[in-house]
Amino acid sequence: MLTKDAKKVLDLLIESTTTPKDTSIIIDTKINQCLSELNIESSYSEVLEYLEKDDFLKLLMKGGSINRIVLSHKAKKYKEFERAETFDFIKKSFVFPILVSVVTTIIVSSLIN
């Protein structure tokens, strides 16, 4: 699961791509300014490193600073992945236990009668 800060940064980066199929973002003064003005608790460089560690993006460095960011498929579709994780959690936590309890009740009821 992503933190609120990571979601804000990803949303900004996704909006910064020129086309839906574009995955590469050149870091210019506009992007740097937008990232630094985001209302996030962590520094944006920490969030970018966190996202890189979790394979959401790749940071390309030039001269010791970030020159370009390449978004992965996981980054561009992160909301879809989160929705799937939530659905899996609901299945495992609620639906399956209820089904097991119903089946168990039916089996026990039939054995008692």
Protein backbone atom coordinates (compact mmCIF):
# COMPACT_ATOMS: atom_id res chain seq x y z
CA MET A 1 0.00 0.00 0.00
CA LEU A 2 1.15 3.47 -0.79
CA THR A 3 1.36 6.36 1.64
CA LYS A 4 -0.63 9.55 1.05
CA ASP A 5 2.58 11.36 0.17
CA ALA A 6 3.53 8.70 -2.39
CA LYS A 7 0.07 8.91 -3.98
CA LYS A 8 0.33 12.70 -4.28
CA VAL A 9 3.76 12.46 -5.91
CA LEU A 10 2.62 9.70 -8.29
CA ASP A 11 -0.48 11.67 -9.27
CA LEU A 12 1.67 14.71 -10.05
CA LEU A 13 4.11 12.63 -12.09
CA ILE A 14 1.34 10.86 -14.01
CA GLU A 15 -0.25 14.24 -14.82
CA SER A 16 3.16 15.44 -16.03
CA THR A 17 3.41 12.82 -18.76
CA THR A 18 2.55 14.19 -22.17
CA THR A 19 0.55 11.19 -23.42
CA PRO A 20 -1.07 8.21 -21.65
CA LYS A 21 1.58 5.88 -23.12
CA ASP A 22 4.45 8.19 -22.16
CA THR A 23 6.44 6.88 -19.19
CA SER A 24 9.40 9.24 -19.12
CA ILE A 25 9.42 12.61 -17.38
CA ILE A 26 12.26 15.05 -17.81
CA ILE A 27 12.86 16.86 -14.55
CA ASP A 28 12.85 20.55 -15.28
CA THR A 29 12.32 23.60 -13.07
CA LYS A 30 8.52 23.35 -13.44
CA ILE A 31 8.42 19.73 -12.19
CA ASN A 32 10.91 20.52 -9.41
CA GLN A 33 8.79 23.46 -8.31
CA CYS A 34 5.57 21.39 -8.39
CA LEU A 35 7.21 18.60 -6.38
CA SER A 36 8.60 20.99 -3.78
CA GLU A 37 5.22 22.76 -3.44
CA LEU A 38 3.28 19.55 -2.80
CA ASN A 39 1.77 19.52 0.66
CA ILE A 40 3.49 16.35 1.89
CA GLU A 41 4.96 15.41 5.25
CA SER A 42 8.16 13.86 3.88
CA SER A 43 10.60 15.48 1.50
CA TYR A 44 9.80 14.68 -2.10
CA SER A 45 13.23 13.13 -2.61
CA GLU A 46 12.50 10.61 0.19
CA VAL A 47 9.17 9.78 -1.45
CA LEU A 48 10.84 9.33 -4.85
CA GLU A 49 13.42 6.98 -3.31
CA TYR A 50 10.62 5.01 -1.61
CA LEU A 51 8.76 4.72 -4.93
CA GLU A 52 11.93 3.61 -6.71
CA LYS A 53 12.62 0.98 -4.05
CA ASP A 54 9.11 -0.43 -4.56
CA ASP A 55 9.54 -0.51 -8.38
CA PHE A 56 7.06 2.25 -9.16
CA LEU A 57 9.65 4.33 -10.97
CA LYS A 58 13.28 4.56 -11.98
CA LEU A 59 15.32 7.64 -11.18
CA LEU A 60 17.93 8.50 -13.80
CA MET A 61 20.71 10.67 -12.42
CA LYS A 62 22.95 13.15 -14.18
CA GLY A 63 25.59 15.15 -12.36
CA GLY A 64 24.42 13.96 -8.94
CA SER A 65 20.81 15.08 -9.37
CA ILE A 66 17.68 13.52 -10.80
CA ASN A 67 17.53 14.20 -14.54
CA ARG A 68 14.64 11.98 -15.59
CA ILE A 69 11.99 9.78 -13.99
CA VAL A 70 10.70 6.69 -15.79
CA LEU A 71 7.33 5.47 -14.53
CA SER A 72 6.61 1.74 -14.48
CA HIS A 73 3.30 0.13 -15.42
CA LYS A 74 2.74 -0.39 -11.70
CA ALA A 75 2.98 3.38 -11.18
CA LYS A 76 0.70 4.36 -14.04
CA LYS A 77 -1.96 1.90 -12.88
CA TYR A 78 -1.44 2.12 -9.10
CA LYS A 79 -5.13 2.83 -8.39
CA GLU A 80 -6.12 -0.33 -10.25
CA PHE A 81 -3.59 -2.38 -8.26
CA GLU A 82 -4.84 -0.90 -4.97
CA ARG A 83 -8.45 -1.71 -5.90
CA ALA A 84 -7.46 -5.33 -6.60
CA GLU A 85 -5.63 -5.55 -3.26
CA THR A 86 -8.67 -4.18 -1.44
CA PHE A 87 -10.96 -6.67 -3.17
CA ASP A 88 -8.62 -9.54 -2.24
CA PHE A 89 -8.59 -8.35 1.38
CA ILE A 90 -12.40 -8.25 1.47
CA LYS A 91 -12.60 -11.75 -0.02
CA LYS A 92 -10.12 -13.19 2.46
CA SER A 93 -11.45 -11.36 5.50
CA PHE A 94 -15.21 -11.45 5.01
CA VAL A 95 -16.54 -13.52 2.14
CA PHE A 96 -14.58 -16.75 2.72
CA PRO A 97 -15.17 -16.87 6.49
CA ILE A 98 -18.92 -16.35 5.96
CA LEU A 99 -19.01 -19.12 3.34
CA VAL A 100 -17.10 -21.48 5.62
CA SER A 101 -19.48 -20.73 8.49
CA VAL A 102 -22.57 -21.33 6.30
CA VAL A 103 -21.21 -24.61 4.94
CA THR A 104 -20.21 -25.73 8.44
CA THR A 105 -23.69 -24.90 9.78
CA ILE A 106 -25.33 -26.85 6.96
CA ILE A 107 -23.08 -29.89 7.55
CA VAL A 108 -23.60 -29.85 11.32
CA SER A 109 -27.36 -29.39 10.90
CA SER A 110 -27.57 -32.35 8.53
CA LEU A 111 -25.51 -34.55 10.90
CA ILE A 112 -27.69 -33.70 13.88
CA ASN A 113 -30.94 -34.55 12.04
